[in-house]
């Protein structure tokens, strides 16, 4: 009688089965970032301190990323999961700007100084006719009085009397284009494509995005149309949101060191690495197939 060789049982778990675990890791990272941003919520402003400007500006961007990550976490568990794309893109943009400012600290000061001038540049005709407009103009004048170096920016003055050009000041204080920042930070074209360009298809209602709405054809020839997000795409959004918010956390801890949070984040980072590796392996073609 031939010997019976036991065959090991192999269960192939679909990648989408990892979504609950990824959502849990994302929630843990949000909690850690929330704790790390504690000093930002009671921030002590120190004027003429570039380090203080950097810590404040990066903290504000990190708070924006935190809100976006929480939105991804909540929405990814609903029937409207497709709405996570803009929030995912926000996390990436905040991370880029934090890293850019840390490499170029004067940009943090420029970001903070630009606030009244941005409101001036964005004002509509209706705003300019309202009682709010004189206040915006006055705030720009006060900002120039406090920071006269702003008048040295490109096209910052007009006419013989060198009157301040507030719109030009707003333009000069802005950061470079996002793609330029990404390249300067060592990110490749695929990083930018996956983390910014693809998520941008949703708010821009690109045909590349909305043509995915037809799902299948009924027997009578009609087509079923739905905004339901492909499960694998949702998995990718949540996984990369967790990865990117973890990177934001690292940037914040570099500015606001906290040993306890760093220690707690190590276990979450290991769990995220394990799931990411599992997902990557599940996407690779199996030999013999």
Protein backbone atom coordinates (compact mmCIF):
# COMPACT_ATOMS: atom_id res chain seq x y z
CA UNK A 1 0.00 0.00 0.00
CA UNK A 2 1.42 3.35 -1.02
CA UNK A 3 2.41 5.64 1.78
CA UNK A 4 0.07 8.57 2.28
CA UNK A 5 2.00 11.79 2.49
CA UNK A 6 0.10 14.48 4.34
CA UNK A 7 -0.33 17.69 2.39
CA UNK A 8 -0.06 20.83 4.47
CA UNK A 9 -3.19 22.90 4.54
CA UNK A 10 -2.61 26.34 3.07
CA UNK A 11 -5.27 28.98 3.48
CA UNK A 12 -4.94 31.95 1.19
CA UNK A 13 -6.50 34.91 2.94
CA UNK A 14 -7.56 37.65 0.52
CA UNK A 15 -5.68 40.92 0.91
CA UNK A 16 -8.89 42.79 1.70
CA UNK A 17 -9.22 40.75 4.89
CA UNK A 18 -6.44 42.98 6.29
CA UNK A 19 -8.59 46.10 6.14
CA UNK A 20 -9.86 45.94 9.77
CA UNK A 21 -6.31 45.50 11.04
CA UNK A 22 -5.06 48.39 8.92
CA UNK A 23 -7.86 50.62 10.16
CA UNK A 24 -6.93 49.72 13.73
CA UNK A 25 -3.27 50.59 13.08
CA UNK A 26 -4.31 53.88 11.49
CA UNK A 27 -6.39 54.70 14.56
CA UNK A 28 -3.43 53.88 16.83
CA UNK A 29 -1.16 56.16 14.80
CA UNK A 30 -3.73 58.97 14.99
CA UNK A 31 -3.85 58.59 18.76
CA UNK A 32 -0.05 58.73 18.96
CA UNK A 33 0.11 61.81 16.74
CA UNK A 34 -2.61 63.44 18.82
CA UNK A 35 -0.48 62.91 21.92
CA UNK A 36 2.69 64.12 20.18
CA UNK A 37 0.93 67.34 19.17
CA UNK A 38 0.06 68.19 22.76
CA UNK A 39 2.69 70.99 22.94
CA UNK A 40 1.23 72.60 19.80
CA UNK A 41 -2.15 73.00 21.45
CA UNK A 42 -0.62 75.15 24.18
CA UNK A 43 2.12 76.75 22.11
CA UNK A 44 4.22 79.60 23.46
CA UNK A 45 5.05 82.02 20.65
CA UNK A 46 8.59 83.42 20.62
CA UNK A 47 9.10 86.21 18.11
CA UNK A 48 12.35 86.38 16.12
CA UNK A 49 13.08 82.73 16.82
CA UNK A 50 13.39 80.68 13.63
CA UNK A 51 13.25 77.42 15.58
CA UNK A 52 10.02 78.55 17.25
CA UNK A 53 8.55 79.45 13.85
CA UNK A 54 9.51 76.04 12.47
CA UNK A 55 7.97 74.15 15.39
CA UNK A 56 4.72 76.12 15.12
CA UNK A 57 4.38 75.91 11.31
CA UNK A 58 5.12 72.17 11.22
CA UNK A 59 2.75 71.59 14.11
CA UNK A 60 -0.08 73.33 12.27
CA UNK A 61 0.48 71.19 9.17
CA UNK A 62 0.62 68.07 11.32
CA UNK A 63 -2.72 68.97 12.92
CA UNK A 64 -4.18 69.24 9.43
CA UNK A 65 -2.77 65.81 8.57
CA UNK A 66 -4.21 64.38 11.78
CA UNK A 67 -7.72 65.58 10.93
CA UNK A 68 -7.39 64.12 7.43
CA UNK A 69 -6.18 60.76 8.78
CA UNK A 70 -9.11 60.61 11.18
CA UNK A 71 -11.43 61.24 8.23
CA UNK A 72 -9.84 58.35 6.32
CA UNK A 73 -10.28 56.11 9.35
CA UNK A 74 -13.97 56.96 9.80
CA UNK A 75 -14.99 57.03 6.15
CA UNK A 76 -13.17 53.81 5.25
CA UNK A 77 -15.74 51.91 7.32
CA UNK A 78 -18.76 53.41 5.57
CA UNK A 79 -20.51 52.92 2.25
CA UNK A 80 -18.99 56.24 1.20
CA UNK A 81 -15.40 54.99 1.38
CA UNK A 82 -14.60 56.59 -1.97
CA UNK A 83 -14.53 59.97 -0.23
CA UNK A 84 -11.25 59.10 1.51
CA UNK A 85 -9.18 60.18 -1.53
CA UNK A 86 -9.04 63.96 -0.87
CA UNK A 87 -8.20 63.37 2.79
CA UNK A 88 -5.45 60.94 1.86
CA UNK A 89 -4.01 63.57 -0.48
CA UNK A 90 -4.09 66.13 2.36
CA UNK A 91 -1.93 63.86 4.53
CA UNK A 92 0.65 63.60 1.77
CA UNK A 93 0.70 67.35 1.11
CA UNK A 94 1.12 68.13 4.81
CA UNK A 95 3.99 65.64 5.07
CA UNK A 96 5.74 67.19 2.07
CA UNK A 97 5.44 70.70 3.46
CA UNK A 98 6.66 69.66 6.91
CA UNK A 99 9.71 67.97 5.41
CA UNK A 100 10.34 70.94 3.11
CA UNK A 101 10.21 73.42 5.98
CA UNK A 102 12.52 71.29 8.08
CA UNK A 103 15.06 71.40 5.26
CA UNK A 104 14.45 75.12 4.68
CA UNK A 105 13.53 76.66 8.09
CA UNK A 106 13.05 80.21 6.70
CA UNK A 107 10.10 78.78 4.74
CA UNK A 108 8.33 78.17 8.04
CA UNK A 109 8.57 81.84 8.88
CA UNK A 110 7.37 82.76 5.38
CA UNK A 111 4.40 80.43 5.82
CA UNK A 112 3.38 82.11 9.08
CA UNK A 113 3.94 85.65 7.75
CA UNK A 114 1.88 84.99 4.61
CA UNK A 115 -1.50 84.67 6.37
CA UNK A 116 -2.88 88.25 5.99
CA UNK A 117 -1.49 88.56 2.47
CA UNK A 118 -3.12 85.29 1.39
CA UNK A 119 -6.49 86.59 2.61
CA UNK A 120 -5.84 89.77 0.63
CA UNK A 121 -4.96 87.81 -2.53
CA UNK A 122 -7.98 85.49 -2.20
CA UNK A 123 -10.54 88.22 -1.53
CA UNK A 124 -13.44 88.27 -3.96
CA UNK A 125 -15.28 91.34 -5.23
CA UNK A 126 -17.96 90.77 -2.60
CA UNK A 127 -15.37 90.69 0.17
CA UNK A 128 -13.79 93.89 -1.12
CA UNK A 129 -17.16 95.62 -0.91
CA UNK A 130 -17.80 94.41 2.63
CA UNK A 131 -16.77 95.94 5.95
CA UNK A 132 -14.24 93.12 6.30
CA UNK A 133 -12.00 94.47 3.52
CA UNK A 134 -10.57 97.51 5.39
CA UNK A 135 -9.59 95.18 8.24
CA UNK A 136 -7.74 92.84 5.85
CA UNK A 137 -5.87 95.78 4.31
CA UNK A 138 -5.00 97.12 7.77
CA UNK A 139 -3.65 93.73 8.84
CA UNK A 140 -1.42 93.62 5.75
CA UNK A 141 -0.09 97.11 6.53
CA UNK A 142 0.59 96.09 10.13
CA UNK A 143 2.43 92.97 8.94
CA UNK A 144 4.67 95.04 6.66
CA UNK A 145 5.36 97.47 9.51
CA UNK A 146 6.39 94.57 11.77
CA UNK A 147 8.39 92.83 9.04
CA UNK A 148 9.84 95.50 6.72
CA UNK A 149 12.04 92.88 5.04
CA UNK A 150 8.91 91.76 3.16
CA UNK A 151 9.29 94.81 0.95
CA UNK A 152 12.53 93.30 -0.39
CA UNK A 153 10.63 90.39 -1.98
CA UNK A 154 10.17 90.21 -5.74
CA UNK A 155 7.72 92.88 -7.02
CA UNK A 156 6.78 93.70 -3.42
CA UNK A 157 6.51 97.41 -4.16
CA UNK A 158 4.98 99.43 -6.98
CA UNK A 159 5.41 102.99 -8.25
CA UNK A 160 7.92 105.68 -7.43
CA UNK A 161 6.68 105.84 -3.84
CA UNK A 162 7.21 102.08 -3.53
CA UNK A 163 3.76 101.31 -2.24
CA UNK A 164 3.42 97.72 -0.88
CA UNK A 165 2.02 95.22 -3.38
CA UNK A 166 0.25 92.84 -1.03
CA UNK A 167 -0.74 90.36 -3.73
CA UNK A 168 2.87 90.10 -4.92
CA UNK A 169 4.03 89.56 -1.33
CA UNK A 170 1.54 86.69 -0.98
CA UNK A 171 2.88 85.13 -4.18
CA UNK A 172 6.52 85.50 -3.13
CA UNK A 173 5.91 83.90 0.27
CA UNK A 174 4.28 80.75 -1.15
CA UNK A 175 6.08 77.42 -1.24
CA UNK A 176 7.15 75.93 -4.58
CA UNK A 177 4.85 73.65 -6.56
CA UNK A 178 4.17 70.37 -4.79
CA UNK A 179 5.87 68.28 -7.46
CA UNK A 180 9.03 70.38 -7.20
CA UNK A 181 9.07 69.89 -3.43
CA UNK A 182 8.55 66.15 -3.84
CA UNK A 183 11.52 65.89 -6.22
CA UNK A 184 13.75 67.96 -3.97
CA UNK A 185 12.87 65.68 -1.05
CA UNK A 186 13.94 62.58 -2.95
CA UNK A 187 10.49 61.25 -3.83
CA UNK A 188 10.15 59.70 -7.27
CA UNK A 189 7.45 60.05 -9.89
CA UNK A 190 5.53 57.03 -8.61
CA UNK A 191 5.31 58.47 -5.08
CA UNK A 192 3.79 61.64 -6.48
CA UNK A 193 1.50 59.71 -8.82
CA UNK A 194 0.12 57.39 -6.13
CA UNK A 195 -0.06 59.89 -3.28
CA UNK A 196 -1.20 63.01 -5.09
CA UNK A 197 -2.11 62.63 -8.76
CA UNK A 198 -4.40 59.60 -8.41
CA UNK A 199 -6.27 60.93 -5.33
CA UNK A 200 -6.71 64.21 -7.21
CA UNK A 201 -8.86 62.46 -9.81
CA UNK A 202 -11.75 62.28 -7.33
CA UNK A 203 -12.21 65.97 -6.41
CA UNK A 204 -11.48 66.94 -10.02
CA UNK A 205 -14.13 64.45 -11.26
CA UNK A 206 -11.67 63.28 -13.87
CA UNK A 207 -13.01 60.97 -16.56
CA UNK A 208 -10.24 58.55 -15.54
CA UNK A 209 -11.96 58.31 -12.16
CA UNK A 210 -15.67 58.52 -12.96
CA UNK A 211 -15.52 56.04 -15.83
CA UNK A 212 -15.08 53.40 -13.13
CA UNK A 213 -18.64 53.98 -11.94
CA UNK A 214 -20.24 51.53 -14.44
CA UNK A 215 -19.85 48.19 -12.65
CA UNK A 216 -21.64 45.57 -14.76
CA UNK A 217 -24.34 45.10 -17.37
CA UNK A 218 -27.79 43.67 -16.60
CA UNK A 219 -29.50 41.13 -18.80
CA UNK A 220 -31.76 43.79 -20.24
CA UNK A 221 -28.77 45.81 -21.44
CA UNK A 222 -28.87 48.44 -18.74
CA UNK A 223 -25.70 49.22 -16.85
CA UNK A 224 -25.35 49.24 -13.08
CA UNK A 225 -23.62 52.47 -12.04
CA UNK A 226 -22.22 52.92 -8.55
CA UNK A 227 -19.65 55.09 -6.77
CA UNK A 228 -18.63 52.13 -4.60
CA UNK A 229 -14.84 52.06 -4.27
CA UNK A 230 -12.93 49.00 -5.41
CA UNK A 231 -11.93 47.08 -2.23
CA UNK A 232 -8.29 46.81 -3.27
CA UNK A 233 -8.12 50.56 -3.92
CA UNK A 234 -9.63 51.24 -0.49
CA UNK A 235 -7.07 48.94 1.06
CA UNK A 236 -4.31 50.88 -0.67
CA UNK A 237 -5.64 54.23 0.54
CA UNK A 238 -5.85 53.08 4.16
CA UNK A 239 -2.44 51.38 4.05
CA UNK A 240 -0.69 54.41 2.59
CA UNK A 241 -2.60 56.77 4.90
CA UNK A 242 -1.25 54.80 7.86
CA UNK A 243 2.27 54.86 6.42
CA UNK A 244 2.20 58.57 5.68
CA UNK A 245 0.66 59.57 9.02
CA UNK A 246 3.36 57.47 10.68
CA UNK A 247 5.94 59.54 8.81
CA UNK A 248 4.22 62.74 9.96
CA UNK A 249 4.48 61.40 13.51
CA UNK A 250 8.23 60.87 13.05
CA UNK A 251 8.64 64.45 11.84
CA UNK A 252 6.69 65.79 14.83
CA UNK A 253 8.70 63.73 17.31
CA UNK A 254 11.90 65.16 15.82
CA UNK A 255 10.61 68.62 16.74
CA UNK A 256 8.84 67.67 19.97
CA UNK A 257 10.76 64.67 21.38
CA UNK A 258 8.80 62.35 23.66
CA UNK A 259 10.42 59.07 24.65
CA UNK A 260 7.19 57.42 25.78
CA UNK A 261 5.43 58.14 22.48
CA UNK A 262 8.49 56.98 20.52
CA UNK A 263 8.47 53.72 22.49
CA UNK A 264 4.74 53.19 21.97
CA UNK A 265 5.05 53.92 18.27
CA UNK A 266 7.59 51.14 17.74
CA UNK A 267 5.00 48.39 18.23
CA UNK A 268 2.53 50.10 15.91
CA UNK A 269 5.26 50.56 13.31
CA UNK A 270 6.15 46.87 13.52
CA UNK A 271 2.50 45.88 13.08
CA UNK A 272 2.18 48.16 10.07
CA UNK A 273 5.37 46.74 8.54
CA UNK A 274 4.05 43.19 9.01
CA UNK A 275 0.73 43.98 7.32
CA UNK A 276 2.43 45.88 4.51
CA UNK A 277 4.75 42.95 3.84
CA UNK A 278 1.80 40.56 3.89
CA UNK A 279 -0.09 42.72 1.42
CA UNK A 280 2.90 43.03 -0.87
CA UNK A 281 3.40 39.26 -0.88
CA UNK A 282 -0.29 38.64 -1.55
CA UNK A 283 -0.12 40.85 -4.63
CA UNK A 284 2.82 38.96 -6.13
CA UNK A 285 2.08 36.09 -8.57
CA UNK A 286 2.49 32.66 -6.98
CA UNK A 287 4.86 30.19 -8.61
CA UNK A 288 3.29 27.27 -10.42
CA UNK A 289 0.17 29.18 -11.37
